[in-house]
Amino acid sequence: MLEFVPWKTGDDIVANRFGIPEPTAIATVTPANIDVVLLPVVGFDRSGGRLGTGGGYYDRTFAFRREVPAPPLLIGIAFACQEIARLECAHWDVAVDFVATESELVDCRKT
């Protein structure tokens, strides 16, 4: 599962083992207490199916959303060319609510 830590401009950060800056704060935020999460997308369909990088981190972190619609709002970030007509999703996959591309905001809740 992923852990989320509050951060604001000016807070201390340090590079992790991959060189990605991370907050140094220890306190975490429960995923259900977050309003919006932007998720990276490798591929998506208009029903909210999302291909990630294959680790399942977002699916495990937001598994509680499969039972009942709940915060946070999940927004995939992709290029329009990454759209796939139909993705085969597994029972553990968590759909995104929207996908933001350079050309439109796809409302996946409408399908």
PDB file of N, CA and C in Angstrom:
ATOM      1  N   MET A   1       0.838  -1.190   0.000  1.00  0.00           N
ATOM      2  CA  MET A   1       0.000   0.000   0.000  1.00  0.00           C
ATOM      3  C   MET A   1       0.876   1.245   0.000  1.00  0.00           C
ATOM      4  N   LEU A   2       0.279   2.300  -0.541  1.00  0.00           N
ATOM      5  CA  LEU A   2       0.970   3.584  -0.555  1.00  0.00           C
ATOM      6  C   LEU A   2       0.713   4.331   0.748  1.00  0.00           C
ATOM      7  N   GLU A   3       1.653   5.159   1.130  1.00  0.00           N
ATOM      8  CA  GLU A   3       1.467   6.041   2.280  1.00  0.00           C
ATOM      9  C   GLU A   3       1.487   7.475   1.782  1.00  0.00           C
ATOM     10  N   PHE A   4       0.613   8.291   2.339  1.00  0.00           N
ATOM     11  CA  PHE A   4       0.515   9.690   1.959  1.00  0.00           C
ATOM     12  C   PHE A   4       0.893  10.559   3.150  1.00  0.00           C
ATOM     13  N   VAL A   5       1.714  11.568   2.889  1.00  0.00           N
ATOM     14  CA  VAL A   5       2.205  12.467   3.928  1.00  0.00           C
ATOM     15  C   VAL A   5       1.862  13.888   3.515  1.00  0.00           C
ATOM     16  N   PRO A   6       1.311  14.684   4.429  1.00  0.00           N
ATOM     17  CA  PRO A   6       1.016  16.079   4.069  1.00  0.00           C
ATOM     18  C   PRO A   6       2.313  16.836   3.766  1.00  0.00           C
ATOM     19  N   TRP A   7       2.239  17.739   2.781  1.00  0.00           N
ATOM     20  CA  TRP A   7       3.389  18.560   2.421  1.00  0.00           C
ATOM     21  C   TRP A   7       2.886  19.886   1.873  1.00  0.00           C
ATOM     22  N   LYS A   8       3.598  20.968   2.190  1.00  0.00           N
ATOM     23  CA  LYS A   8       3.290  22.277   1.618  1.00  0.00           C
ATOM     24  C   LYS A   8       4.604  22.964   1.275  1.00  0.00           C
ATOM     25  N   THR A   9       4.533  23.943   0.416  1.00  0.00           N
ATOM     26  CA  THR A   9       5.729  24.671  -0.005  1.00  0.00           C
ATOM     27  C   THR A   9       6.532  25.114   1.210  1.00  0.00           C
ATOM     28  N   GLY A  10       7.821  24.843   1.178  1.00  0.00           N
ATOM     29  CA  GLY A  10       8.708  25.221   2.274  1.00  0.00           C
ATOM     30  C   GLY A  10       9.012  24.089   3.240  1.00  0.00           C
ATOM     31  N   ASP A  11       8.177  23.027   3.227  1.00  0.00           N
ATOM     32  CA  ASP A  11       8.450  21.877   4.098  1.00  0.00           C
ATOM     33  C   ASP A  11       9.701  21.150   3.597  1.00  0.00           C
ATOM     34  N   ASP A  12      10.413  20.513   4.509  1.00  0.00           N
ATOM     35  CA  ASP A  12      11.628  19.787   4.160  1.00  0.00           C
ATOM     36  C   ASP A  12      11.318  18.589   3.272  1.00  0.00           C
ATOM     37  N   ILE A  13      12.205  18.343   2.309  1.00  0.00           N
ATOM     38  CA  ILE A  13      12.128  17.158   1.461  1.00  0.00           C
ATOM     39  C   ILE A  13      13.526  16.568   1.341  1.00  0.00           C
ATOM     40  N   VAL A  14      13.578  15.280   1.000  1.00  0.00           N
ATOM     41  CA  VAL A  14      14.842  14.587   0.799  1.00  0.00           C
ATOM     42  C   VAL A  14      14.643  13.609  -0.367  1.00  0.00           C
ATOM     43  N   ALA A  15      15.692  13.389  -1.147  1.00  0.00           N
ATOM     44  CA  ALA A  15      15.601  12.456  -2.267  1.00  0.00           C
ATOM     45  C   ALA A  15      15.545  11.023  -1.745  1.00  0.00           C
ATOM     46  N   ASN A  16      14.599  10.226  -2.282  1.00  0.00           N
ATOM     47  CA  ASN A  16      14.527   8.819  -1.892  1.00  0.00           C
ATOM     48  C   ASN A  16      15.553   8.016  -2.693  1.00  0.00           C
ATOM     49  N   ARG A  17      15.495   6.705  -2.593  1.00  0.00           N
ATOM     50  CA  ARG A  17      16.489   5.858  -3.255  1.00  0.00           C
ATOM     51  C   ARG A  17      16.433   5.942  -4.776  1.00  0.00           C
ATOM     52  N   PHE A  18      15.337   6.464  -5.317  1.00  0.00           N
ATOM     53  CA  PHE A  18      15.203   6.641  -6.760  1.00  0.00           C
ATOM     54  C   PHE A  18      15.501   8.074  -7.188  1.00  0.00           C
ATOM     55  N   GLY A  19      15.869   8.927  -6.225  1.00  0.00           N
ATOM     56  CA  GLY A  19      16.153  10.327  -6.521  1.00  0.00           C
ATOM     57  C   GLY A  19      14.921  11.216  -6.569  1.00  0.00           C
ATOM     58  N   ILE A  20      13.765  10.663  -6.159  1.00  0.00           N
ATOM     59  CA  ILE A  20      12.515  11.426  -6.170  1.00  0.00           C
ATOM     60  C   ILE A  20      12.370  12.150  -4.833  1.00  0.00           C
ATOM     61  N   PRO A  21      12.136  13.470  -4.859  1.00  0.00           N
ATOM     62  CA  PRO A  21      11.983  14.207  -3.603  1.00  0.00           C
ATOM     63  C   PRO A  21      10.747  13.743  -2.824  1.00  0.00           C
ATOM     64  N   GLU A  22      10.921  13.510  -1.521  1.00  0.00           N
ATOM     65  CA  GLU A  22       9.817  13.114  -0.644  1.00  0.00           C
ATOM     66  C   GLU A  22       9.827  13.974   0.606  1.00  0.00           C
ATOM     67  N   PRO A  23       8.655  14.204   1.197  1.00  0.00           N
ATOM     68  CA  PRO A  23       8.605  14.937   2.460  1.00  0.00           C
ATOM     69  C   PRO A  23       9.330  14.168   3.562  1.00  0.00           C
ATOM     70  N   THR A  24       9.890  14.877   4.505  1.00  0.00           N
ATOM     71  CA  THR A  24      10.562  14.229   5.630  1.00  0.00           C
ATOM     72  C   THR A  24       9.611  13.995   6.796  1.00  0.00           C
ATOM     73  N   ALA A  25       8.403  14.550   6.726  1.00  0.00           N
ATOM     74  CA  ALA A  25       7.418  14.380   7.795  1.00  0.00           C
ATOM     75  C   ALA A  25       7.086  12.897   7.973  1.00  0.00           C
ATOM     76  N   ILE A  26       6.704  12.528   9.176  1.00  0.00           N
ATOM     77  CA  ILE A  26       6.408  11.133   9.494  1.00  0.00           C
ATOM     78  C   ILE A  26       4.903  10.861   9.516  1.00  0.00           C
ATOM     79  N   ALA A  27       4.110  11.847   9.928  1.00  0.00           N
ATOM     80  CA  ALA A  27       2.665  11.653  10.049  1.00  0.00           C
ATOM     81  C   ALA A  27       2.053  11.338   8.689  1.00  0.00           C
ATOM     82  N   THR A  28       1.210  10.334   8.637  1.00  0.00           N
ATOM     83  CA  THR A  28       0.561   9.955   7.381  1.00  0.00           C
ATOM     84  C   THR A  28      -0.908  10.345   7.386  1.00  0.00           C
ATOM     85  N   VAL A  29      -1.478  10.377   6.196  1.00  0.00           N
ATOM     86  CA  VAL A  29      -2.891  10.681   6.011  1.00  0.00           C
ATOM     87  C   VAL A  29      -3.566   9.425   5.490  1.00  0.00           C
ATOM     88  N   THR A  30      -4.674   9.043   6.076  1.00  0.00           N
ATOM     89  CA  THR A  30      -5.440   7.886   5.628  1.00  0.00           C
ATOM     90  C   THR A  30      -6.006   8.164   4.241  1.00  0.00           C
ATOM     91  N   PRO A  31      -5.878   7.232   3.291  1.00  0.00           N
ATOM     92  CA  PRO A  31      -6.370   7.477   1.932  1.00  0.00           C
ATOM     93  C   PRO A  31      -7.823   7.978   1.877  1.00  0.00           C
ATOM     94  N   ALA A  32      -8.688   7.479   2.736  1.00  0.00           N
ATOM     95  CA  ALA A  32     -10.088   7.912   2.728  1.00  0.00           C
ATOM     96  C   ALA A  32     -10.251   9.361   3.175  1.00  0.00           C
ATOM     97  N   ASN A  33      -9.214   9.953   3.763  1.00  0.00           N
ATOM     98  CA  ASN A  33      -9.271  11.342   4.213  1.00  0.00           C
ATOM     99  C   ASN A  33      -8.631  12.314   3.229  1.00  0.00           C
ATOM    100  N   ILE A  34      -8.352  11.857   2.029  1.00  0.00           N
ATOM    101  CA  ILE A  34      -7.796  12.694   0.973  1.00  0.00           C
ATOM    102  C   ILE A  34      -8.943  13.063   0.029  1.00  0.00           C
ATOM    103  N   ASP A  35      -8.928  14.288  -0.470  1.00  0.00           N
ATOM    104  CA  ASP A  35      -9.994  14.729  -1.370  1.00  0.00           C
ATOM    105  C   ASP A  35      -9.799  14.259  -2.809  1.00  0.00           C
ATOM    106  N   VAL A  36      -8.588  14.431  -3.336  1.00  0.00           N
ATOM    107  CA  VAL A  36      -8.303  14.126  -4.733  1.00  0.00           C
ATOM    108  C   VAL A  36      -6.931  13.481  -4.844  1.00  0.00           C
ATOM    109  N   VAL A  37      -6.811  12.465  -5.693  1.00  0.00           N
ATOM    110  CA  VAL A  37      -5.513  11.837  -5.980  1.00  0.00           C
ATOM    111  C   VAL A  37      -5.336  11.809  -7.494  1.00  0.00           C
ATOM    112  N   LEU A  38      -4.179  12.280  -7.958  1.00  0.00           N
ATOM    113  CA  LEU A  38      -3.817  12.196  -9.368  1.00  0.00           C
ATOM    114  C   LEU A  38      -2.977  10.946  -9.561  1.00  0.00           C
ATOM    115  N   LEU A  39      -3.403  10.085 -10.487  1.00  0.00           N
ATOM    116  CA  LEU A  39      -2.721   8.801 -10.704  1.00  0.00           C
ATOM    117  C   LEU A  39      -2.073   8.761 -12.078  1.00  0.00           C
ATOM    118  N   PRO A  40      -0.864   8.238 -12.172  1.00  0.00           N
ATOM    119  CA  PRO A  40      -0.243   8.072 -13.484  1.00  0.00           C
ATOM    120  C   PRO A  40      -0.959   6.975 -14.271  1.00  0.00           C
ATOM    121  N   VAL A  41      -1.027   7.155 -15.579  1.00  0.00           N
ATOM    122  CA  VAL A  41      -1.737   6.209 -16.433  1.00  0.00           C
ATOM    123  C   VAL A  41      -0.839   5.783 -17.593  1.00  0.00           C
ATOM    124  N   VAL A  42      -0.792   4.487 -17.849  1.00  0.00           N
ATOM    125  CA  VAL A  42      -0.108   3.954 -19.029  1.00  0.00           C
ATOM    126  C   VAL A  42      -1.139   3.760 -20.144  1.00  0.00           C
ATOM    127  N   GLY A  43      -2.358   3.356 -19.761  1.00  0.00           N
ATOM    128  CA  GLY A  43      -3.470   3.200 -20.689  1.00  0.00           C
ATOM    129  C   GLY A  43      -4.770   3.314 -19.917  1.00  0.00           C
ATOM    130  N   PHE A  44      -5.843   3.719 -20.598  1.00  0.00           N
ATOM    131  CA  PHE A  44      -7.136   3.871 -19.918  1.00  0.00           C
ATOM    132  C   PHE A  44      -8.266   3.647 -20.902  1.00  0.00           C
ATOM    133  N   ASP A  45      -9.455   3.352 -20.355  1.00  0.00           N
ATOM    134  CA  ASP A  45     -10.665   3.341 -21.174  1.00  0.00           C
ATOM    135  C   ASP A  45     -11.682   4.270 -20.532  1.00  0.00           C
ATOM    136  N   ARG A  46     -12.752   4.527 -21.220  1.00  0.00           N
ATOM    137  CA  ARG A  46     -13.731   5.529 -20.767  1.00  0.00           C
ATOM    138  C   ARG A  46     -14.613   5.055 -19.626  1.00  0.00           C
ATOM    139  N   SER A  47     -14.505   3.807 -19.242  1.00  0.00           N
ATOM    140  CA  SER A  47     -15.281   3.324 -18.093  1.00  0.00           C
ATOM    141  C   SER A  47     -14.449   3.379 -16.808  1.00  0.00           C
ATOM    142  N   GLY A  48     -13.244   3.965 -16.883  1.00  0.00           N
ATOM    143  CA  GLY A  48     -12.419   4.118 -15.685  1.00  0.00           C
ATOM    144  C   GLY A  48     -11.363   3.052 -15.519  1.00  0.00           C
ATOM    145  N   GLY A  49     -11.290   2.122 -16.470  1.00  0.00           N
ATOM    146  CA  GLY A  49     -10.225   1.133 -16.425  1.00  0.00           C
ATOM    147  C   GLY A  49      -8.886   1.820 -16.637  1.00  0.00           C
ATOM    148  N   ARG A  50      -7.885   1.419 -15.872  1.00  0.00           N
ATOM    149  CA  ARG A  50      -6.585   2.081 -15.904  1.00  0.00           C
ATOM    150  C   ARG A  50      -5.480   1.044 -15.893  1.00  0.00           C
ATOM    151  N   LEU A  51      -4.545   1.198 -16.811  1.00  0.00           N
ATOM    152  CA  LEU A  51      -3.311   0.425 -16.773  1.00  0.00           C
ATOM    153  C   LEU A  51      -2.263   1.284 -16.099  1.00  0.00           C
ATOM    154  N   GLY A  52      -1.623   0.722 -15.098  1.00  0.00           N
ATOM    155  CA  GLY A  52      -0.530   1.422 -14.433  1.00  0.00           C
ATOM    156  C   GLY A  52       0.781   0.770 -14.811  1.00  0.00           C
ATOM    157  N   THR A  53       1.682   0.710 -13.862  1.00  0.00           N
ATOM    158  CA  THR A  53       2.980   0.104 -14.148  1.00  0.00           C
ATOM    159  C   THR A  53       3.048  -1.348 -13.693  1.00  0.00           C
ATOM    160  N   GLY A  54       1.945  -1.887 -13.194  1.00  0.00           N
ATOM    161  CA  GLY A  54       1.899  -3.301 -12.882  1.00  0.00           C
ATOM    162  C   GLY A  54       2.162  -3.677 -11.438  1.00  0.00           C
ATOM    163  N   GLY A  55       2.396  -2.715 -10.576  1.00  0.00           N
ATOM    164  CA  GLY A  55       2.672  -3.037  -9.182  1.00  0.00           C
ATOM    165  C   GLY A  55       1.430  -3.225  -8.326  1.00  0.00           C
ATOM    166  N   GLY A  56       0.298  -2.691  -8.755  1.00  0.00           N
ATOM    167  CA  GLY A  56      -0.941  -2.811  -7.992  1.00  0.00           C
ATOM    168  C   GLY A  56      -1.019  -1.933  -6.752  1.00  0.00           C
ATOM    169  N   TYR A  57      -0.105  -0.986  -6.622  1.00  0.00           N
ATOM    170  CA  TYR A  57      -0.070  -0.149  -5.418  1.00  0.00           C
ATOM    171  C   TYR A  57      -1.347   0.668  -5.249  1.00  0.00           C
ATOM    172  N   TYR A  58      -1.811   1.308  -6.322  1.00  0.00           N
ATOM    173  CA  TYR A  58      -3.022   2.121  -6.220  1.00  0.00           C
ATOM    174  C   TYR A  58      -4.236   1.234  -5.969  1.00  0.00           C
ATOM    175  N   ASP A  59      -4.298   0.074  -6.611  1.00  0.00           N
ATOM    176  CA  ASP A  59      -5.429  -0.832  -6.403  1.00  0.00           C
ATOM    177  C   ASP A  59      -5.510  -1.300  -4.951  1.00  0.00           C
ATOM    178  N   ARG A  60      -4.386  -1.636  -4.349  1.00  0.00           N
ATOM    179  CA  ARG A  60      -4.389  -2.067  -2.939  1.00  0.00           C
ATOM    180  C   ARG A  60      -4.718  -0.903  -2.005  1.00  0.00           C
ATOM    181  N   THR A  61      -4.171   0.265  -2.302  1.00  0.00           N
ATOM    182  CA  THR A  61      -4.387   1.429  -1.442  1.00  0.00           C
ATOM    183  C   THR A  61      -5.842   1.873  -1.437  1.00  0.00           C
ATOM    184  N   PHE A  62      -6.489   1.816  -2.593  1.00  0.00           N
ATOM    185  CA  PHE A  62      -7.863   2.308  -2.710  1.00  0.00           C
ATOM    186  C   PHE A  62      -8.884   1.173  -2.871  1.00  0.00           C
ATOM    187  N   ALA A  63      -8.534  -0.013  -2.412  1.00  0.00           N
ATOM    188  CA  ALA A  63      -9.429  -1.174  -2.523  1.00  0.00           C
ATOM    189  C   ALA A  63     -10.781  -0.921  -1.866  1.00  0.00           C
ATOM    190  N   PHE A  64     -10.816  -0.116  -0.827  1.00  0.00           N
ATOM    191  CA  PHE A  64     -12.083   0.167  -0.125  1.00  0.00           C
ATOM    192  C   PHE A  64     -13.103   0.827  -1.046  1.00  0.00           C
ATOM    193  N   ARG A  65     -12.677   1.444  -2.133  1.00  0.00           N
ATOM    194  CA  ARG A  65     -13.587   2.105  -3.069  1.00  0.00           C
ATOM    195  C   ARG A  65     -14.335   1.107  -3.953  1.00  0.00           C
ATOM    196  N   ARG A  66     -13.900  -0.133  -4.012  1.00  0.00           N
ATOM    197  CA  ARG A  66     -14.611  -1.127  -4.813  1.00  0.00           C
ATOM    198  C   ARG A  66     -15.946  -1.483  -4.176  1.00  0.00           C
ATOM    199  N   GLU A  67     -16.037  -1.384  -2.875  1.00  0.00           N
ATOM    200  CA  GLU A  67     -17.263  -1.745  -2.152  1.00  0.00           C
ATOM    201  C   GLU A  67     -18.316  -0.641  -2.196  1.00  0.00           C
ATOM    202  N   VAL A  68     -17.877   0.596  -2.047  1.00  0.00           N
ATOM    203  CA  VAL A  68     -18.808   1.727  -2.000  1.00  0.00           C
ATOM    204  C   VAL A  68     -18.086   2.967  -2.530  1.00  0.00           C
ATOM    205  N   PRO A  69     -18.770   3.776  -3.342  1.00  0.00           N
ATOM    206  CA  PRO A  69     -18.132   5.012  -3.803  1.00  0.00           C
ATOM    207  C   PRO A  69     -17.776   5.894  -2.602  1.00  0.00           C
ATOM    208  N   ALA A  70     -16.535   6.284  -2.523  1.00  0.00           N
ATOM    209  CA  ALA A  70     -16.067   7.064  -1.382  1.00  0.00           C
ATOM    210  C   ALA A  70     -14.890   7.925  -1.821  1.00  0.00           C
ATOM    211  N   PRO A  71     -14.593   8.971  -1.037  1.00  0.00           N
ATOM    212  CA  PRO A  71     -13.388   9.746  -1.337  1.00  0.00           C
ATOM    213  C   PRO A  71     -12.168   8.847  -1.203  1.00  0.00           C
ATOM    214  N   PRO A  72     -11.121   9.184  -1.861  1.00  0.00           N
ATOM    215  CA  PRO A  72     -10.905  10.388  -2.656  1.00  0.00           C
ATOM    216  C   PRO A  72     -11.381  10.231  -4.096  1.00  0.00           C
ATOM    217  N   LEU A  73     -11.513  11.378  -4.770  1.00  0.00           N
ATOM    218  CA  LEU A  73     -11.771  11.385  -6.193  1.00  0.00           C
ATOM    219  C   LEU A  73     -10.469  10.958  -6.882  1.00  0.00           C
ATOM    220  N   LEU A  74     -10.530   9.961  -7.749  1.00  0.00           N
ATOM    221  CA  LEU A  74      -9.342   9.460  -8.430  1.00  0.00           C
ATOM    222  C   LEU A  74      -9.324   9.967  -9.869  1.00  0.00           C
ATOM    223  N   ILE A  75      -8.252  10.686 -10.211  1.00  0.00           N
ATOM    224  CA  ILE A  75      -8.122  11.277 -11.538  1.00  0.00           C
ATOM    225  C   ILE A  75      -6.848  10.745 -12.187  1.00  0.00           C
ATOM    226  N   GLY A  76      -7.016  10.024 -13.275  1.00  0.00           N
ATOM    227  CA  GLY A  76      -5.874   9.538 -14.035  1.00  0.00           C
ATOM    228  C   GLY A  76      -5.326  10.661 -14.906  1.00  0.00           C
ATOM    229  N   ILE A  77      -4.014  10.706 -15.054  1.00  0.00           N
ATOM    230  CA  ILE A  77      -3.363  11.700 -15.894  1.00  0.00           C
ATOM    231  C   ILE A  77      -2.723  10.961 -17.074  1.00  0.00           C
ATOM    232  N   ALA A  78      -3.125  11.333 -18.299  1.00  0.00           N
ATOM    233  CA  ALA A  78      -2.653  10.610 -19.481  1.00  0.00           C
ATOM    234  C   ALA A  78      -2.665  11.523 -20.700  1.00  0.00           C
ATOM    235  N   PHE A  79      -2.075  11.044 -21.764  1.00  0.00           N
ATOM    236  CA  PHE A  79      -2.223  11.665 -23.073  1.00  0.00           C
ATOM    237  C   PHE A  79      -3.385  10.979 -23.774  1.00  0.00           C
ATOM    238  N   ALA A  80      -4.074  11.702 -24.648  1.00  0.00           N
ATOM    239  CA  ALA A  80      -5.221  11.142 -25.364  1.00  0.00           C
ATOM    240  C   ALA A  80      -4.842   9.880 -26.139  1.00  0.00           C
ATOM    241  N   CYS A  81      -3.622   9.817 -26.649  1.00  0.00           N
ATOM    242  CA  CYS A  81      -3.192   8.647 -27.436  1.00  0.00           C
ATOM    243  C   CYS A  81      -3.059   7.387 -26.584  1.00  0.00           C
ATOM    244  N   GLN A  82      -3.171   7.501 -25.273  1.00  0.00           N
ATOM    245  CA  GLN A  82      -3.082   6.338 -24.396  1.00  0.00           C
ATOM    246  C   GLN A  82      -4.438   5.668 -24.176  1.00  0.00           C
ATOM    247  N   GLU A  83      -5.498   6.238 -24.779  1.00  0.00           N
ATOM    248  CA  GLU A  83      -6.823   5.648 -24.632  1.00  0.00           C
ATOM    249  C   GLU A  83      -6.917   4.337 -25.389  1.00  0.00           C
ATOM    250  N   ILE A  84      -7.523   3.350 -24.749  1.00  0.00           N
ATOM    251  CA  ILE A  84      -7.753   2.018 -25.304  1.00  0.00           C
ATOM    252  C   ILE A  84      -9.262   1.815 -25.338  1.00  0.00           C
ATOM    253  N   ALA A  85      -9.776   1.224 -26.397  1.00  0.00           N
ATOM    254  CA  ALA A  85     -11.226   1.059 -26.540  1.00  0.00           C
ATOM    255  C   ALA A  85     -11.837   0.371 -25.322  1.00  0.00           C
ATOM    256  N   ARG A  86     -11.247  -0.728 -24.883  1.00  0.00           N
ATOM    257  CA  ARG A  86     -11.803  -1.470 -23.738  1.00  0.00           C
ATOM    258  C   ARG A  86     -10.682  -2.245 -23.070  1.00  0.00           C
ATOM    259  N   LEU A  87     -10.507  -2.017 -21.783  1.00  0.00           N
ATOM    260  CA  LEU A  87      -9.528  -2.758 -20.992  1.00  0.00           C
ATOM    261  C   LEU A  87     -10.213  -3.907 -20.277  1.00  0.00           C
ATOM    262  N   GLU A  88      -9.560  -5.031 -20.227  1.00  0.00           N
ATOM    263  CA  GLU A  88     -10.038  -6.149 -19.416  1.00  0.00           C
ATOM    264  C   GLU A  88      -9.538  -5.896 -17.995  1.00  0.00           C
ATOM    265  N   CYS A  89     -10.455  -5.691 -17.081  1.00  0.00           N
ATOM    266  CA  CYS A  89     -10.083  -5.393 -15.698  1.00  0.00           C
ATOM    267  C   CYS A  89     -10.307  -6.614 -14.815  1.00  0.00           C
ATOM    268  N   ALA A  90      -9.432  -6.780 -13.849  1.00  0.00           N
ATOM    269  CA  ALA A  90      -9.556  -7.872 -12.877  1.00  0.00           C
ATOM    270  C   ALA A  90     -10.427  -7.409 -11.711  1.00  0.00           C
ATOM    271  N   HIS A  91     -10.866  -8.349 -10.880  1.00  0.00           N
ATOM    272  CA  HIS A  91     -11.750  -8.000  -9.769  1.00  0.00           C
ATOM    273  C   HIS A  91     -11.077  -7.072  -8.755  1.00  0.00           C
ATOM    274  N   TRP A  92      -9.756  -7.044  -8.702  1.00  0.00           N
ATOM    275  CA  TRP A  92      -9.059  -6.194  -7.740  1.00  0.00           C
ATOM    276  C   TRP A  92      -8.770  -4.782  -8.276  1.00  0.00           C
ATOM    277  N   ASP A  93      -9.026  -4.545  -9.565  1.00  0.00           N
ATOM    278  CA  ASP A  93      -8.754  -3.231 -10.143  1.00  0.00           C
ATOM    279  C   ASP A  93      -9.722  -2.186  -9.614  1.00  0.00           C
ATOM    280  N   VAL A  94      -9.200  -1.011  -9.314  1.00  0.00           N
ATOM    281  CA  VAL A  94     -10.009   0.110  -8.852  1.00  0.00           C
ATOM    282  C   VAL A  94     -10.096   1.117  -9.996  1.00  0.00           C
ATOM    283  N   ALA A  95     -11.312   1.439 -10.405  1.00  0.00           N
ATOM    284  CA  ALA A  95     -11.522   2.375 -11.511  1.00  0.00           C
ATOM    285  C   ALA A  95     -11.247   3.808 -11.076  1.00  0.00           C
ATOM    286  N   VAL A  96     -10.824   4.627 -12.043  1.00  0.00           N
ATOM    287  CA  VAL A  96     -10.677   6.061 -11.787  1.00  0.00           C
ATOM    288  C   VAL A  96     -12.002   6.744 -12.090  1.00  0.00           C
ATOM    289  N   ASP A  97     -12.216   7.898 -11.487  1.00  0.00           N
ATOM    290  CA  ASP A  97     -13.439   8.672 -11.715  1.00  0.00           C
ATOM    291  C   ASP A  97     -13.347   9.510 -12.984  1.00  0.00           C
ATOM    292  N   PHE A  98     -12.172  10.047 -13.234  1.00  0.00           N
ATOM    293  CA  PHE A  98     -11.912  10.892 -14.401  1.00  0.00           C
ATOM    294  C   PHE A  98     -10.548  10.546 -14.959  1.00  0.00           C
ATOM    295  N   VAL A  99     -10.345  10.894 -16.233  1.00  0.00           N
ATOM    296  CA  VAL A  99      -9.010  10.883 -16.828  1.00  0.00           C
ATOM    297  C   VAL A  99      -8.817  12.247 -17.474  1.00  0.00           C
ATOM    298  N   ALA A 100      -7.749  12.932 -17.094  1.00  0.00           N
ATOM    299  CA  ALA A 100      -7.415  14.225 -17.673  1.00  0.00           C
ATOM    300  C   ALA A 100      -6.341  14.022 -18.733  1.00  0.00           C
ATOM    301  N   THR A 101      -6.647  14.458 -19.955  1.00  0.00           N
ATOM    302  CA  THR A 101      -5.671  14.406 -21.042  1.00  0.00           C
ATOM    303  C   THR A 101      -5.421  15.831 -21.524  1.00  0.00           C
ATOM    304  N   GLU A 102      -4.545  15.975 -22.511  1.00  0.00           N
ATOM    305  CA  GLU A 102      -4.268  17.303 -23.055  1.00  0.00           C
ATOM    306  C   GLU A 102      -5.442  17.855 -23.851  1.00  0.00           C
ATOM    307  N   SER A 103      -6.415  16.997 -24.190  1.00  0.00           N
ATOM    308  CA  SER A 103      -7.531  17.453 -25.012  1.00  0.00           C
ATOM    309  C   SER A 103      -8.897  17.413 -24.342  1.00  0.00           C
ATOM    310  N   GLU A 104      -9.026  16.673 -23.234  1.00  0.00           N
ATOM    311  CA  GLU A 104     -10.337  16.628 -22.566  1.00  0.00           C
ATOM    312  C   GLU A 104     -10.237  16.038 -21.165  1.00  0.00           C
ATOM    313  N   LEU A 105     -11.310  16.245 -20.428  1.00  0.00           N
ATOM    314  CA  LEU A 105     -11.475  15.603 -19.129  1.00  0.00           C
ATOM    315  C   LEU A 105     -12.562  14.555 -19.316  1.00  0.00           C
ATOM    316  N   VAL A 106     -12.190  13.284 -19.249  1.00  0.00           N
ATOM    317  CA  VAL A 106     -13.113  12.176 -19.474  1.00  0.00           C
ATOM    318  C   VAL A 106     -13.791  11.832 -18.153  1.00  0.00           C
ATOM    319  N   ASP A 107     -15.107  11.938 -18.120  1.00  0.00           N
ATOM    320  CA  ASP A 107     -15.873  11.563 -16.920  1.00  0.00           C
ATOM    321  C   ASP A 107     -16.193  10.082 -17.019  1.00  0.00           C
ATOM    322  N   CYS A 108     -15.457   9.270 -16.312  1.00  0.00           N
ATOM    323  CA  CYS A 108     -15.611   7.813 -16.377  1.00  0.00           C
ATOM    324  C   CYS A 108     -16.802   7.327 -15.567  1.00  0.00           C
ATOM    325  N   ARG A 109     -17.422   8.180 -14.776  1.00  0.00           N
ATOM    326  CA  ARG A 109     -18.567   7.783 -13.965  1.00  0.00           C
ATOM    327  C   ARG A 109     -19.828   7.686 -14.785  1.00  0.00           C
ATOM    328  N   LYS A 110     -19.811   8.214 -16.014  1.00  0.00           N
ATOM    329  CA  LYS A 110     -21.006   8.250 -16.859  1.00  0.00           C
ATOM    330  C   LYS A 110     -21.266   6.956 -17.598  1.00  0.00           C
ATOM    331  N   THR A 111     -20.286   6.047 -17.613  1.00  0.00           N
ATOM    332  CA  THR A 111     -20.465   4.824 -18.406  1.00  0.00           C
ATOM    333  C   THR A 111     -21.028   3.703 -17.582  1.00  0.00           C
TER     334      THR A 111
END
